[in-house]
Amino acid sequence: MTEQPIKVYLPAPRPPVHGTAKHWGYLITGIILGLVAGYVLFENPTVLAPISDPRPVSLNFKKAVVEKAPTAKTITVTDQMPGDEATISQITLTTPGWVTIHDSLSGLPGRVLGAYYLPAGEYKNQKVPLLRGMIDGEKYLVVVHNDDGDQTFNLRLDLPRTGADGKVEMAPFSVSVPSRIGD
């Protein structure tokens, strides 16, 4: 008997797959870069900076001139007790705007603690709710910001108002707990 050769059928060779992991790496890197770019380009802090953010808000108040008039005519604020809201004794706005409470960093506005939109008018004992309570012994500032027309506070778009003298409209106040009698 003659031996017949055994036929073995092998699958057709596939083209070599080079760099599959590399392609996945490019894809993942592209997605991450796209998300980061989207966050940076389209970030819209419409409320306030998170309280957990330890970085102070840095504003260049020399360049914050948006309008010379009309502005807030008066801001009167007295020293207050610690709490989750600030009370402005009196404020008169000739145009709508934001009344904000800032940390005081050597007399300059720091982080925003709270913001409250007010139409033009005169207000007495106006309360401004805060995201973080005021602390005993600290100093704060009431600062009036313009509204860009959307009635949503945005620190980057709603710049501080300046008076005719070019200075930012603000009023300082301190927070302290009254001492007890007999202490």
C-alpha atoms as a PDB file:
ATOM      1  CA  MET A   1       0.000   0.000   0.000  1.00  0.00           C
ATOM      2  CA  THR A   2       1.274   3.315  -0.869  1.00  0.00           C
ATOM      3  CA  GLU A   3       1.245   5.971   1.659  1.00  0.00           C
ATOM      4  CA  GLN A   4      -0.771   8.971   0.875  1.00  0.00           C
ATOM      5  CA  PRO A   5       0.500  12.281   2.027  1.00  0.00           C
ATOM      6  CA  ILE A   6      -1.554  13.831   4.818  1.00  0.00           C
ATOM      7  CA  LYS A   7      -3.016  17.120   3.878  1.00  0.00           C
ATOM      8  CA  VAL A   8      -3.095  19.690   6.651  1.00  0.00           C
ATOM      9  CA  TYR A   9      -5.165  22.746   6.139  1.00  0.00           C
ATOM     10  CA  LEU A  10      -3.870  25.750   7.992  1.00  0.00           C
ATOM     11  CA  PRO A  11      -5.840  28.968   8.258  1.00  0.00           C
ATOM     12  CA  ALA A  12      -4.731  31.740   6.002  1.00  0.00           C
ATOM     13  CA  PRO A  13      -2.099  33.863   7.654  1.00  0.00           C
ATOM     14  CA  ARG A  14      -3.432  37.088   9.179  1.00  0.00           C
ATOM     15  CA  PRO A  15      -1.610  40.303   8.716  1.00  0.00           C
ATOM     16  CA  PRO A  16       0.509  41.023  11.759  1.00  0.00           C
ATOM     17  CA  VAL A  17      -1.169  43.218  14.386  1.00  0.00           C
ATOM     18  CA  HIS A  18       1.389  45.762  15.355  1.00  0.00           C
ATOM     19  CA  GLY A  19       0.741  48.464  17.909  1.00  0.00           C
ATOM     20  CA  THR A  20      -2.747  47.487  19.046  1.00  0.00           C
ATOM     21  CA  ALA A  21      -1.836  48.512  22.577  1.00  0.00           C
ATOM     22  CA  LYS A  22      -0.273  51.642  21.155  1.00  0.00           C
ATOM     23  CA  HIS A  23      -3.516  52.520  19.334  1.00  0.00           C
ATOM     24  CA  TRP A  24      -5.525  52.028  22.524  1.00  0.00           C
ATOM     25  CA  GLY A  25      -3.054  54.290  24.284  1.00  0.00           C
ATOM     26  CA  TYR A  26      -3.570  56.993  21.656  1.00  0.00           C
ATOM     27  CA  LEU A  27      -7.326  56.642  21.932  1.00  0.00           C
ATOM     28  CA  ILE A  28      -7.352  56.892  25.728  1.00  0.00           C
ATOM     29  CA  THR A  29      -4.914  59.810  25.685  1.00  0.00           C
ATOM     30  CA  GLY A  30      -7.104  61.602  23.120  1.00  0.00           C
ATOM     31  CA  ILE A  31     -10.211  61.112  25.231  1.00  0.00           C
ATOM     32  CA  ILE A  32      -8.481  62.420  28.341  1.00  0.00           C
ATOM     33  CA  LEU A  33      -7.088  65.436  26.500  1.00  0.00           C
ATOM     34  CA  GLY A  34     -10.515  66.120  25.016  1.00  0.00           C
ATOM     35  CA  LEU A  35     -12.149  66.035  28.442  1.00  0.00           C
ATOM     36  CA  VAL A  36      -9.504  68.318  29.931  1.00  0.00           C
ATOM     37  CA  ALA A  37      -9.791  70.762  27.015  1.00  0.00           C
ATOM     38  CA  GLY A  38     -13.583  70.725  27.292  1.00  0.00           C
ATOM     39  CA  TYR A  39     -13.398  71.430  31.009  1.00  0.00           C
ATOM     40  CA  VAL A  40     -10.966  74.309  30.532  1.00  0.00           C
ATOM     41  CA  LEU A  41     -12.786  75.835  27.556  1.00  0.00           C
ATOM     42  CA  PHE A  42     -16.347  75.381  28.716  1.00  0.00           C
ATOM     43  CA  GLU A  43     -16.026  75.605  32.476  1.00  0.00           C
ATOM     44  CA  ASN A  44     -18.739  77.895  33.749  1.00  0.00           C
ATOM     45  CA  PRO A  45     -18.579  78.570  37.470  1.00  0.00           C
ATOM     46  CA  THR A  46     -22.061  80.051  37.620  1.00  0.00           C
ATOM     47  CA  VAL A  47     -22.283  80.014  41.358  1.00  0.00           C
ATOM     48  CA  LEU A  48     -19.323  80.307  43.661  1.00  0.00           C
ATOM     49  CA  ALA A  49     -15.904  78.747  44.004  1.00  0.00           C
ATOM     50  CA  PRO A  50     -16.122  75.565  46.061  1.00  0.00           C
ATOM     51  CA  ILE A  51     -15.523  76.135  49.731  1.00  0.00           C
ATOM     52  CA  SER A  52     -13.065  73.228  49.762  1.00  0.00           C
ATOM     53  CA  ASP A  53     -10.857  75.109  47.286  1.00  0.00           C
ATOM     54  CA  PRO A  54      -8.093  76.555  49.507  1.00  0.00           C
ATOM     55  CA  ARG A  55      -6.779  78.875  46.800  1.00  0.00           C
ATOM     56  CA  PRO A  56      -7.753  82.533  47.187  1.00  0.00           C
ATOM     57  CA  VAL A  57      -9.490  84.182  44.274  1.00  0.00           C
ATOM     58  CA  SER A  58      -6.977  86.438  42.605  1.00  0.00           C
ATOM     59  CA  LEU A  59      -8.461  89.459  40.912  1.00  0.00           C
ATOM     60  CA  ASN A  60      -6.568  92.328  39.378  1.00  0.00           C
ATOM     61  CA  PHE A  61      -8.679  95.235  40.545  1.00  0.00           C
ATOM     62  CA  LYS A  62      -6.701  97.764  38.548  1.00  0.00           C
ATOM     63  CA  LYS A  63      -8.074  96.143  35.375  1.00  0.00           C
ATOM     64  CA  ALA A  64     -11.583  95.550  36.726  1.00  0.00           C
ATOM     65  CA  VAL A  65     -12.924  98.843  35.404  1.00  0.00           C
ATOM     66  CA  VAL A  66     -16.121  98.028  33.576  1.00  0.00           C
ATOM     67  CA  GLU A  67     -18.089 101.203  33.949  1.00  0.00           C
ATOM     68  CA  LYS A  68     -17.474 104.526  35.640  1.00  0.00           C
ATOM     69  CA  ALA A  69     -21.157 105.216  36.313  1.00  0.00           C
ATOM     70  CA  PRO A  70     -23.834 104.366  37.275  1.00  0.00           C
ATOM     71  CA  THR A  71     -22.699 102.539  40.369  1.00  0.00           C
ATOM     72  CA  ALA A  72     -23.673 101.845  43.933  1.00  0.00           C
ATOM     73  CA  LYS A  73     -24.134 105.159  45.685  1.00  0.00           C
ATOM     74  CA  THR A  74     -23.686 103.886  49.199  1.00  0.00           C
ATOM     75  CA  ILE A  75     -22.630 100.775  51.063  1.00  0.00           C
ATOM     76  CA  THR A  76     -23.011 100.750  54.834  1.00  0.00           C
ATOM     77  CA  VAL A  77     -22.090  97.651  56.797  1.00  0.00           C
ATOM     78  CA  THR A  78     -21.431  97.183  60.492  1.00  0.00           C
ATOM     79  CA  ASP A  79     -19.305  94.628  62.305  1.00  0.00           C
ATOM     80  CA  GLN A  80     -21.119  91.333  62.729  1.00  0.00           C
ATOM     81  CA  MET A  81     -21.223  88.093  64.675  1.00  0.00           C
ATOM     82  CA  PRO A  82     -20.058  84.798  63.117  1.00  0.00           C
ATOM     83  CA  GLY A  83     -22.730  83.132  61.004  1.00  0.00           C
ATOM     84  CA  ASP A  84     -23.929  81.802  57.663  1.00  0.00           C
ATOM     85  CA  GLU A  85     -25.238  85.123  56.370  1.00  0.00           C
ATOM     86  CA  ALA A  86     -24.003  88.699  56.274  1.00  0.00           C
ATOM     87  CA  THR A  87     -26.245  91.715  56.784  1.00  0.00           C
ATOM     88  CA  ILE A  88     -25.628  94.915  54.848  1.00  0.00           C
ATOM     89  CA  SER A  89     -27.065  97.858  56.780  1.00  0.00           C
ATOM     90  CA  GLN A  90     -27.788  99.922  53.680  1.00  0.00           C
ATOM     91  CA  ILE A  91     -26.951  99.752  49.986  1.00  0.00           C
ATOM     92  CA  THR A  92     -28.225 101.768  47.048  1.00  0.00           C
ATOM     93  CA  LEU A  93     -27.743 100.455  43.517  1.00  0.00           C
ATOM     94  CA  THR A  94     -28.471 102.644  40.500  1.00  0.00           C
ATOM     95  CA  THR A  95     -28.338  99.569  38.235  1.00  0.00           C
ATOM     96  CA  PRO A  96     -28.893  95.849  38.984  1.00  0.00           C
ATOM     97  CA  GLY A  97     -25.891  93.952  40.283  1.00  0.00           C
ATOM     98  CA  TRP A  98     -24.421  91.443  42.674  1.00  0.00           C
ATOM     99  CA  VAL A  99     -23.707  92.165  46.309  1.00  0.00           C
ATOM    100  CA  THR A 100     -20.913  89.807  47.325  1.00  0.00           C
ATOM    101  CA  ILE A 101     -19.075  88.969  50.516  1.00  0.00           C
ATOM    102  CA  HIS A 102     -15.327  88.302  50.134  1.00  0.00           C
ATOM    103  CA  ASP A 103     -12.582  87.267  52.525  1.00  0.00           C
ATOM    104  CA  SER A 104     -10.345  90.273  53.150  1.00  0.00           C
ATOM    105  CA  LEU A 105      -6.734  89.669  52.159  1.00  0.00           C
ATOM    106  CA  SER A 106      -4.929  92.707  53.548  1.00  0.00           C
ATOM    107  CA  GLY A 107      -7.828  94.904  52.450  1.00  0.00           C
ATOM    108  CA  LEU A 108      -8.234  93.308  49.016  1.00  0.00           C
ATOM    109  CA  PRO A 109     -11.031  90.884  48.076  1.00  0.00           C
ATOM    110  CA  GLY A 110     -10.171  87.206  48.413  1.00  0.00           C
ATOM    111  CA  ARG A 111     -12.469  84.208  48.005  1.00  0.00           C
ATOM    112  CA  VAL A 112     -16.180  84.840  47.539  1.00  0.00           C
ATOM    113  CA  LEU A 113     -18.260  83.551  50.442  1.00  0.00           C
ATOM    114  CA  GLY A 114     -21.650  84.523  49.041  1.00  0.00           C
ATOM    115  CA  ALA A 115     -23.374  86.544  46.326  1.00  0.00           C
ATOM    116  CA  TYR A 116     -26.894  87.965  46.097  1.00  0.00           C
ATOM    117  CA  TYR A 117     -28.478  89.578  43.031  1.00  0.00           C
ATOM    118  CA  LEU A 118     -30.317  92.842  43.579  1.00  0.00           C
ATOM    119  CA  PRO A 119     -32.281  94.986  41.097  1.00  0.00           C
ATOM    120  CA  ALA A 120     -31.618  98.732  41.143  1.00  0.00           C
ATOM    121  CA  GLY A 121     -32.950 100.345  44.313  1.00  0.00           C
ATOM    122  CA  GLU A 122     -32.288 101.120  47.943  1.00  0.00           C
ATOM    123  CA  TYR A 123     -32.047  98.288  50.464  1.00  0.00           C
ATOM    124  CA  LYS A 124     -31.803  98.225  54.248  1.00  0.00           C
ATOM    125  CA  ASN A 125     -30.687  95.256  56.359  1.00  0.00           C
ATOM    126  CA  GLN A 126     -30.129  93.174  53.219  1.00  0.00           C
ATOM    127  CA  LYS A 127     -29.137  89.571  54.009  1.00  0.00           C
ATOM    128  CA  VAL A 128     -26.551  87.784  51.850  1.00  0.00           C
ATOM    129  CA  PRO A 129     -26.495  83.980  52.352  1.00  0.00           C
ATOM    130  CA  LEU A 130     -23.016  82.466  52.533  1.00  0.00           C
ATOM    131  CA  LEU A 131     -21.649  79.118  51.401  1.00  0.00           C
ATOM    132  CA  ARG A 132     -19.150  79.205  54.256  1.00  0.00           C
ATOM    133  CA  GLY A 133     -19.803  80.862  57.575  1.00  0.00           C
ATOM    134  CA  MET A 134     -17.917  83.923  58.766  1.00  0.00           C
ATOM    135  CA  ILE A 135     -15.332  83.244  61.471  1.00  0.00           C
ATOM    136  CA  ASP A 136     -14.726  85.115  64.723  1.00  0.00           C
ATOM    137  CA  GLY A 137     -11.777  87.505  64.454  1.00  0.00           C
ATOM    138  CA  GLU A 138     -11.707  87.622  60.630  1.00  0.00           C
ATOM    139  CA  LYS A 139     -12.229  90.588  58.312  1.00  0.00           C
ATOM    140  CA  TYR A 140     -14.482  90.582  55.253  1.00  0.00           C
ATOM    141  CA  LEU A 141     -15.500  92.903  52.432  1.00  0.00           C
ATOM    142  CA  VAL A 142     -18.812  93.756  50.789  1.00  0.00           C
ATOM    143  CA  VAL A 143     -18.069  94.189  47.061  1.00  0.00           C
ATOM    144  CA  VAL A 144     -20.564  95.201  44.362  1.00  0.00           C
ATOM    145  CA  HIS A 145     -20.198  93.308  41.053  1.00  0.00           C
ATOM    146  CA  ASN A 146     -21.830  94.084  37.715  1.00  0.00           C
ATOM    147  CA  ASP A 147     -24.157  91.505  36.193  1.00  0.00           C
ATOM    148  CA  ASP A 148     -23.464  90.516  32.575  1.00  0.00           C
ATOM    149  CA  GLY A 149     -27.218  90.283  31.967  1.00  0.00           C
ATOM    150  CA  ASP A 150     -27.885  86.623  32.778  1.00  0.00           C
ATOM    151  CA  GLN A 151     -28.603  87.085  36.526  1.00  0.00           C
ATOM    152  CA  THR A 152     -26.190  84.220  37.256  1.00  0.00           C
ATOM    153  CA  PHE A 153     -23.099  85.090  39.266  1.00  0.00           C
ATOM    154  CA  ASN A 154     -19.869  84.307  37.448  1.00  0.00           C
ATOM    155  CA  LEU A 155     -16.708  85.640  39.067  1.00  0.00           C
ATOM    156  CA  ARG A 156     -14.901  85.811  35.720  1.00  0.00           C
ATOM    157  CA  LEU A 157     -17.664  87.703  33.872  1.00  0.00           C
ATOM    158  CA  ASP A 158     -19.409  89.748  36.567  1.00  0.00           C
ATOM    159  CA  LEU A 159     -16.552  92.094  37.401  1.00  0.00           C
ATOM    160  CA  PRO A 160     -16.399  94.391  40.422  1.00  0.00           C
ATOM    161  CA  ARG A 161     -17.893  97.847  39.919  1.00  0.00           C
ATOM    162  CA  THR A 162     -15.771 100.929  40.186  1.00  0.00           C
ATOM    163  CA  GLY A 163     -16.794 104.419  41.141  1.00  0.00           C
ATOM    164  CA  ALA A 164     -16.031 107.629  39.323  1.00  0.00           C
ATOM    165  CA  ASP A 165     -12.679 107.650  41.133  1.00  0.00           C
ATOM    166  CA  GLY A 166     -11.777 104.285  39.550  1.00  0.00           C
ATOM    167  CA  LYS A 167     -11.780 102.429  42.882  1.00  0.00           C
ATOM    168  CA  VAL A 168     -13.680  99.182  43.424  1.00  0.00           C
ATOM    169  CA  GLU A 169     -16.887  99.731  45.373  1.00  0.00           C
ATOM    170  CA  MET A 170     -16.427  97.876  48.607  1.00  0.00           C
ATOM    171  CA  ALA A 171     -16.861  98.255  52.356  1.00  0.00           C
ATOM    172  CA  PRO A 172     -14.912  96.370  55.061  1.00  0.00           C
ATOM    173  CA  PHE A 173     -16.310  94.825  58.206  1.00  0.00           C
ATOM    174  CA  SER A 174     -15.093  92.586  61.029  1.00  0.00           C
ATOM    175  CA  VAL A 175     -16.632  89.557  62.668  1.00  0.00           C
ATOM    176  CA  SER A 176     -16.446  88.977  66.402  1.00  0.00           C
ATOM    177  CA  VAL A 177     -18.324  87.343  69.234  1.00  0.00           C
ATOM    178  CA  PRO A 178     -19.407  89.903  71.828  1.00  0.00           C
ATOM    179  CA  SER A 179     -17.651  89.398  75.152  1.00  0.00           C
ATOM    180  CA  ARG A 180     -19.708  88.226  78.086  1.00  0.00           C
ATOM    181  CA  ILE A 181     -20.245  90.417  81.108  1.00  0.00           C
ATOM    182  CA  GLY A 182     -17.973  89.334  83.927  1.00  0.00           C
ATOM    183  CA  ASP A 183     -15.326  87.632  81.750  1.00  0.00           C
END
